[in-house]
Amino acid sequence: MSNFNSLDMRKYPDGYLPKIVYHMVQGNKEKVEYFVSRHEATYGPLNEVDRQKMAKMYFNSIDNHA
């Protein structure tokens, strides 16, 4: 059962996705796994919309650091 509530969505509309992407860019696999687990425990499994958001965040991050 999820601990999700509407306050979480207003305060963190993308959940743990930004943290997941940050650690992906940093190459920190353990932190990626940790935050994916936290995201799924709070918001449910990653879905296609989540993956698309993450891809966009990832490529924007790469572009900004190039």
Protein backbone atom coordinates (compact mmCIF):
# COMPACT_ATOMS: atom_id res chain seq x y z
CA MET A 1 0.00 0.00 0.00
CA SER A 2 1.32 3.45 -0.90
CA ASN A 3 1.94 6.30 1.53
CA PHE A 4 0.99 8.71 -1.24
CA ASN A 5 -1.21 11.70 -0.51
CA SER A 6 -2.15 14.86 -2.39
CA LEU A 7 0.33 16.97 -0.39
CA ASP A 8 3.16 14.85 -1.80
CA MET A 9 2.03 15.59 -5.36
CA ARG A 10 1.79 19.33 -4.75
CA LYS A 11 5.11 19.57 -2.92
CA TYR A 12 6.98 17.08 -5.14
CA PRO A 13 5.07 16.78 -8.43
CA ASP A 14 7.74 14.50 -9.92
CA GLY A 15 8.35 12.49 -6.76
CA TYR A 16 11.89 11.15 -6.60
CA LEU A 17 12.43 11.35 -10.37
CA PRO A 18 14.80 14.36 -10.22
CA LYS A 19 16.94 12.61 -7.58
CA ILE A 20 16.99 9.42 -9.64
CA VAL A 21 18.12 11.32 -12.73
CA TYR A 22 20.74 13.33 -10.80
CA HIS A 23 22.37 10.14 -9.56
CA MET A 24 22.11 8.56 -13.03
CA VAL A 25 24.09 11.48 -14.43
CA GLN A 26 26.60 11.15 -11.59
CA GLY A 27 26.93 7.42 -12.29
CA ASN A 28 25.92 6.45 -8.76
CA LYS A 29 24.07 3.16 -9.33
CA GLU A 30 23.45 2.51 -5.63
CA LYS A 31 21.71 5.88 -5.15
CA VAL A 32 19.67 5.35 -8.33
CA GLU A 33 18.45 2.02 -6.98
CA TYR A 34 17.74 3.56 -3.57
CA PHE A 35 15.65 6.43 -4.96
CA VAL A 36 13.81 4.18 -7.43
CA SER A 37 12.86 2.02 -4.45
CA ARG A 38 11.72 5.08 -2.46
CA HIS A 39 9.74 6.40 -5.44
CA GLU A 40 8.00 3.07 -5.99
CA ALA A 41 7.19 2.67 -2.29
CA THR A 42 5.63 6.14 -2.20
CA TYR A 43 4.10 6.62 -5.67
CA GLY A 44 3.89 3.11 -7.14
CA PRO A 45 5.90 1.50 -9.93
CA LEU A 46 7.60 3.67 -12.52
CA ASN A 47 5.35 3.96 -15.55
CA GLU A 48 5.86 5.14 -19.10
CA VAL A 49 5.11 8.79 -18.21
CA ASP A 50 7.72 8.63 -15.42
CA ARG A 51 10.28 7.14 -17.82
CA GLN A 52 9.60 9.85 -20.39
CA LYS A 53 10.02 12.57 -17.74
CA MET A 54 13.26 10.97 -16.59
CA ALA A 55 14.58 10.76 -20.16
CA LYS A 56 13.80 14.43 -20.73
CA MET A 57 15.44 15.42 -17.41
CA TYR A 58 18.46 13.25 -18.20
CA PHE A 59 19.06 14.68 -21.66
CA ASN A 60 18.45 18.24 -20.45
CA SER A 61 21.01 17.68 -17.71
CA ILE A 62 23.55 16.26 -20.17
CA ASP A 63 23.00 19.21 -22.53
CA ASN A 64 23.49 21.70 -19.70
CA HIS A 65 26.77 20.11 -18.63
CA ALA A 66 28.27 19.73 -22.10
